C-alpha atoms as a PDB file:
ATOM      1  CA  MET A   1     258.111 156.128-164.647  1.00  0.00           C
ATOM      2  CA  ASN A   2     261.565 157.579-165.246  1.00  0.00           C
ATOM      3  CA  LYS A   3     262.037 158.952-161.728  1.00  0.00           C
ATOM      4  CA  THR A   4     263.916 157.569-158.749  1.00  0.00           C
ATOM      5  CA  ILE A   5     262.429 157.389-155.253  1.00  0.00           C
ATOM      6  CA  LEU A   6     264.032 160.808-154.702  1.00  0.00           C
ATOM      7  CA  GLY A   7     262.128 162.248-157.670  1.00  0.00           C
ATOM      8  CA  LEU A   8     265.224 162.548-159.864  1.00  0.00           C
ATOM      9  CA  ASP A   9     265.551 161.392-163.449  1.00  0.00           C
ATOM     10  CA  LYS A  10     266.824 157.787-163.473  1.00  0.00           C
ATOM     11  CA  GLN A  11     269.332 158.296-166.296  1.00  0.00           C
ATOM     12  CA  ASP A  12     270.701 161.503-164.769  1.00  0.00           C
ATOM     13  CA  THR A  13     271.033 159.698-161.451  1.00  0.00           C
ATOM     14  CA  ALA A  14     272.826 156.746-163.055  1.00  0.00           C
ATOM     15  CA  ASN A  15     275.282 159.163-164.673  1.00  0.00           C
ATOM     16  CA  LEU A  16     275.847 160.915-161.350  1.00  0.00           C
ATOM     17  CA  VAL A  17     276.463 157.578-159.618  1.00  0.00           C
ATOM     18  CA  ASP A  18     279.126 156.753-162.227  1.00  0.00           C
ATOM     19  CA  ASP A  19     280.809 160.120-161.734  1.00  0.00           C
ATOM     20  CA  LEU A  20     280.582 159.890-157.948  1.00  0.00           C
ATOM     21  CA  ASN A  21     282.246 156.461-158.126  1.00  0.00           C
ATOM     22  CA  TYR A  22     284.993 158.027-160.248  1.00  0.00           C
ATOM     23  CA  LEU A  23     285.409 160.687-157.555  1.00  0.00           C
ATOM     24  CA  LEU A  24     285.397 157.988-154.865  1.00  0.00           C
ATOM     25  CA  ALA A  25     288.182 156.077-156.627  1.00  0.00           C
ATOM     26  CA  ASN A  26     290.251 159.247-156.901  1.00  0.00           C
ATOM     27  CA  PHE A  27     289.701 160.151-153.259  1.00  0.00           C
ATOM     28  CA  GLN A  28     290.863 156.684-152.216  1.00  0.00           C
ATOM     29  CA  ILE A  29     294.138 157.110-154.126  1.00  0.00           C
ATOM     30  CA  TYR A  30     294.518 160.634-152.702  1.00  0.00           C
ATOM     31  CA  TYR A  31     293.913 159.230-149.211  1.00  0.00           C
ATOM     32  CA  GLN A  32     296.611 156.558-149.669  1.00  0.00           C
ATOM     33  CA  ASN A  33     299.010 159.194-150.963  1.00  0.00           C
ATOM     34  CA  LEU A  34     298.404 161.241-147.828  1.00  0.00           C
ATOM     35  CA  ARG A  35     299.025 158.236-145.592  1.00  0.00           C
ATOM     36  CA  GLY A  36     302.313 157.599-147.375  1.00  0.00           C
ATOM     37  CA  LEU A  37     303.326 161.245-147.080  1.00  0.00           C
ATOM     38  CA  HIS A  38     302.443 161.261-143.375  1.00  0.00           C
ATOM     39  CA  TRP A  39     304.545 158.164-142.752  1.00  0.00           C
ATOM     40  CA  ASN A  40     307.533 159.012-144.950  1.00  0.00           C
ATOM     41  CA  ILE A  41     308.044 162.779-144.713  1.00  0.00           C
ATOM     42  CA  LYS A  42     311.535 163.834-143.591  1.00  0.00           C
ATOM     43  CA  GLY A  43     313.469 167.032-143.075  1.00  0.00           C
ATOM     44  CA  LYS A  44     313.119 170.340-141.301  1.00  0.00           C
ATOM     45  CA  ASN A  45     309.373 170.556-142.012  1.00  0.00           C
ATOM     46  CA  PHE A  46     308.672 167.093-140.603  1.00  0.00           C
ATOM     47  CA  PHE A  47     306.684 168.171-137.542  1.00  0.00           C
ATOM     48  CA  GLU A  48     304.556 170.675-139.457  1.00  0.00           C
ATOM     49  CA  LEU A  49     303.830 168.413-142.422  1.00  0.00           C
ATOM     50  CA  HIS A  50     303.422 165.173-140.464  1.00  0.00           C
ATOM     51  CA  VAL A  51     300.517 166.777-138.604  1.00  0.00           C
ATOM     52  CA  LYS A  52     299.125 168.497-141.722  1.00  0.00           C
ATOM     53  CA  PHE A  53     299.090 165.298-143.790  1.00  0.00           C
ATOM     54  CA  GLU A  54     297.274 163.532-140.955  1.00  0.00           C
ATOM     55  CA  GLU A  55     294.710 166.350-140.906  1.00  0.00           C
ATOM     56  CA  PHE A  56     294.239 165.948-144.658  1.00  0.00           C
ATOM     57  CA  TYR A  57     293.842 162.163-144.598  1.00  0.00           C
ATOM     58  CA  THR A  58     291.417 162.339-141.680  1.00  0.00           C
ATOM     59  CA  ASP A  59     289.326 164.837-143.648  1.00  0.00           C
ATOM     60  CA  SER A  60     289.550 162.596-146.720  1.00  0.00           C
ATOM     61  CA  GLN A  61     288.185 159.641-144.743  1.00  0.00           C
ATOM     62  CA  VAL A  62     285.081 161.671-143.940  1.00  0.00           C
ATOM     63  CA  LYS A  63     284.679 162.765-147.557  1.00  0.00           C
ATOM     64  CA  ILE A  64     285.127 159.190-148.808  1.00  0.00           C
ATOM     65  CA  ASP A  65     282.337 158.056-146.506  1.00  0.00           C
ATOM     66  CA  ASP A  66     280.137 160.988-147.573  1.00  0.00           C
ATOM     67  CA  ILE A  67     280.644 160.158-151.260  1.00  0.00           C
ATOM     68  CA  ALA A  68     279.878 156.468-150.739  1.00  0.00           C
ATOM     69  CA  GLU A  69     276.760 157.304-148.737  1.00  0.00           C
ATOM     70  CA  ARG A  70     275.610 159.743-151.430  1.00  0.00           C
ATOM     71  CA  ILE A  71     276.008 156.974-154.011  1.00  0.00           C
ATOM     72  CA  LEU A  72     273.878 154.715-151.819  1.00  0.00           C
ATOM     73  CA  THR A  73     271.302 157.482-151.334  1.00  0.00           C
ATOM     74  CA  LEU A  74     271.038 157.697-155.123  1.00  0.00           C
ATOM     75  CA  GLN A  75     270.426 153.910-155.115  1.00  0.00           C
ATOM     76  CA  GLY A  76     273.830 153.121-156.577  1.00  0.00           C
ATOM     77  CA  LYS A  77     276.620 150.863-155.378  1.00  0.00           C
ATOM     78  CA  PRO A  78     279.912 152.433-154.281  1.00  0.00           C
ATOM     79  CA  LEU A  79     283.161 150.985-155.552  1.00  0.00           C
ATOM     80  CA  HIS A  80     285.031 149.253-152.761  1.00  0.00           C
ATOM     81  CA  THR A  81     288.028 147.360-154.117  1.00  0.00           C
ATOM     82  CA  PHE A  82     291.551 148.617-154.600  1.00  0.00           C
ATOM     83  CA  SER A  83     291.589 147.169-158.123  1.00  0.00           C
ATOM     84  CA  ASP A  84     288.568 149.341-159.009  1.00  0.00           C
ATOM     85  CA  TYR A  85     290.204 152.411-157.503  1.00  0.00           C
ATOM     86  CA  ILE A  86     293.483 151.881-159.316  1.00  0.00           C
ATOM     87  CA  SER A  87     291.855 151.162-162.670  1.00  0.00           C
ATOM     88  CA  LYS A  88     289.553 154.198-162.551  1.00  0.00           C
ATOM     89  CA  ALA A  89     291.545 156.912-160.796  1.00  0.00           C
ATOM     90  CA  SER A  90     293.337 159.781-162.516  1.00  0.00           C
ATOM     91  CA  VAL A  91     294.884 161.355-159.400  1.00  0.00           C
ATOM     92  CA  PRO A  92     298.669 160.998-159.514  1.00  0.00           C
ATOM     93  CA  VAL A  93     300.091 158.227-157.354  1.00  0.00           C
ATOM     94  CA  GLY A  94     302.924 159.224-155.057  1.00  0.00           C
ATOM     95  CA  LYS A  95     305.367 156.528-154.067  1.00  0.00           C
ATOM     96  CA  ASP A  96     308.228 156.800-151.598  1.00  0.00           C
ATOM     97  CA  ILE A  97     308.002 160.586-151.314  1.00  0.00           C
ATOM     98  CA  SER A  98     309.902 161.943-148.321  1.00  0.00           C
ATOM     99  CA  ASN A  99     310.774 165.431-149.620  1.00  0.00           C
ATOM    100  CA  ASP A 100     308.596 168.226-148.235  1.00  0.00           C
ATOM    101  CA  VAL A 101     308.198 170.233-151.463  1.00  0.00           C
ATOM    102  CA  GLU A 102     307.545 167.139-153.554  1.00  0.00           C
ATOM    103  CA  GLY A 103     304.936 165.965-151.052  1.00  0.00           C
ATOM    104  CA  VAL A 104     303.098 169.283-150.957  1.00  0.00           C
ATOM    105  CA  GLU A 105     303.186 169.502-154.755  1.00  0.00           C
ATOM    106  CA  LEU A 106     301.616 166.029-154.950  1.00  0.00           C
ATOM    107  CA  VAL A 107     298.792 167.208-152.684  1.00  0.00           C
ATOM    108  CA  VAL A 108     298.227 170.313-154.824  1.00  0.00           C
ATOM    109  CA  ASP A 109     298.227 168.245-158.038  1.00  0.00           C
ATOM    110  CA  SER A 110     295.830 165.738-156.495  1.00  0.00           C
ATOM    111  CA  LEU A 111     293.441 168.397-155.227  1.00  0.00           C
ATOM    112  CA  SER A 112     293.516 170.086-158.640  1.00  0.00           C
ATOM    113  CA  GLU A 113     292.456 166.806-160.243  1.00  0.00           C
ATOM    114  CA  LEU A 114     289.732 166.272-157.637  1.00  0.00           C
ATOM    115  CA  LEU A 115     288.436 169.795-158.319  1.00  0.00           C
ATOM    116  CA  LYS A 116     288.044 169.026-162.032  1.00  0.00           C
ATOM    117  CA  ILE A 117     285.934 165.982-161.213  1.00  0.00           C
ATOM    118  CA  GLU A 118     283.902 167.816-158.584  1.00  0.00           C
ATOM    119  CA  ARG A 119     283.140 170.693-160.953  1.00  0.00           C
ATOM    120  CA  LEU A 120     281.923 168.206-163.560  1.00  0.00           C
ATOM    121  CA  ILE A 121     279.688 166.561-160.956  1.00  0.00           C
ATOM    122  CA  LEU A 122     278.497 169.984-159.764  1.00  0.00           C
ATOM    123  CA  ASP A 123     277.417 170.870-163.298  1.00  0.00           C
ATOM    124  CA  LEU A 124     275.661 167.523-163.805  1.00  0.00           C
ATOM    125  CA  SER A 125     273.961 167.574-160.410  1.00  0.00           C
ATOM    126  CA  ASP A 126     272.728 171.106-161.062  1.00  0.00           C
ATOM    127  CA  LYS A 127     271.207 170.062-164.388  1.00  0.00           C
ATOM    128  CA  ALA A 128     269.647 167.012-162.714  1.00  0.00           C
ATOM    129  CA  ASP A 129     268.124 169.092-159.882  1.00  0.00           C
ATOM    130  CA  ASP A 130     270.097 166.959-157.408  1.00  0.00           C
ATOM    131  CA  GLU A 131     270.583 169.477-154.615  1.00  0.00           C
ATOM    132  CA  GLY A 132     272.102 166.910-152.235  1.00  0.00           C
ATOM    133  CA  THR A 133     275.003 166.115-154.556  1.00  0.00           C
ATOM    134  CA  ASN A 134     275.227 169.748-155.627  1.00  0.00           C
ATOM    135  CA  ALA A 135     275.624 170.972-152.039  1.00  0.00           C
ATOM    136  CA  MET A 136     278.243 168.323-151.292  1.00  0.00           C
ATOM    137  CA  MET A 137     280.317 169.279-154.331  1.00  0.00           C
ATOM    138  CA  SER A 138     280.025 172.997-153.539  1.00  0.00           C
ATOM    139  CA  ASP A 139     281.330 172.385-150.026  1.00  0.00           C
ATOM    140  CA  PHE A 140     284.194 170.197-151.245  1.00  0.00           C
ATOM    141  CA  ILE A 141     285.187 172.731-153.925  1.00  0.00           C
ATOM    142  CA  ALA A 142     285.246 175.745-151.601  1.00  0.00           C
ATOM    143  CA  GLU A 143     287.359 173.934-149.016  1.00  0.00           C
ATOM    144  CA  GLN A 144     289.812 172.475-151.544  1.00  0.00           C
ATOM    145  CA  GLU A 145     290.294 175.765-153.386  1.00  0.00           C
ATOM    146  CA  LYS A 146     291.330 177.355-150.080  1.00  0.00           C
ATOM    147  CA  THR A 147     293.661 174.449-149.309  1.00  0.00           C
ATOM    148  CA  ILE A 148     295.344 174.795-152.721  1.00  0.00           C
ATOM    149  CA  TRP A 149     295.843 178.505-152.113  1.00  0.00           C
ATOM    150  CA  MET A 150     297.396 177.831-148.701  1.00  0.00           C
ATOM    151  CA  LEU A 151     299.660 175.060-149.981  1.00  0.00           C
ATOM    152  CA  ASN A 152     300.775 177.202-152.918  1.00  0.00           C
ATOM    153  CA  SER A 153     301.583 179.971-150.423  1.00  0.00           C
ATOM    154  CA  TRP A 154     303.648 177.455-148.433  1.00  0.00           C
ATOM    155  CA  LEU A 155     305.448 176.569-151.686  1.00  0.00           C
ATOM    156  CA  GLY A 156     306.101 180.276-152.311  1.00  0.00           C
ATOM    157  CA  LYS A 157     303.929 180.410-155.435  1.00  0.00           C
END
């Protein structure tokens, strides 16, 4: 039988697990970027951005857990080492960023990269009839599109 215990095609599910692990790796790098921004931000927008970056990394922690649990639900194994995250991620790494505009631009660039991955997963999960993954990606996408719009407005774009 080529079906999982959830009734999904085994090969489709294996492909989704791989892509979800890719998303997980990228979210972990994004999360670390946000922690660094939260700690290192300086300037006149410190109070506003310090709180906002904390809000973003707290939200990312929840999403990271959701992604890992979805991988487990699909009978896969979530990546869990920093070496795996670094070797697989495509989200830009921000180091020693203390400038407000540079920090917000890093978040926008990171979210844009995450959206590309999520849209790929959304397409694959739709074709695989995996409504659980599909719903998760739809929720992530809608929220992150709005965040990009708001951050671009903050940047004056």
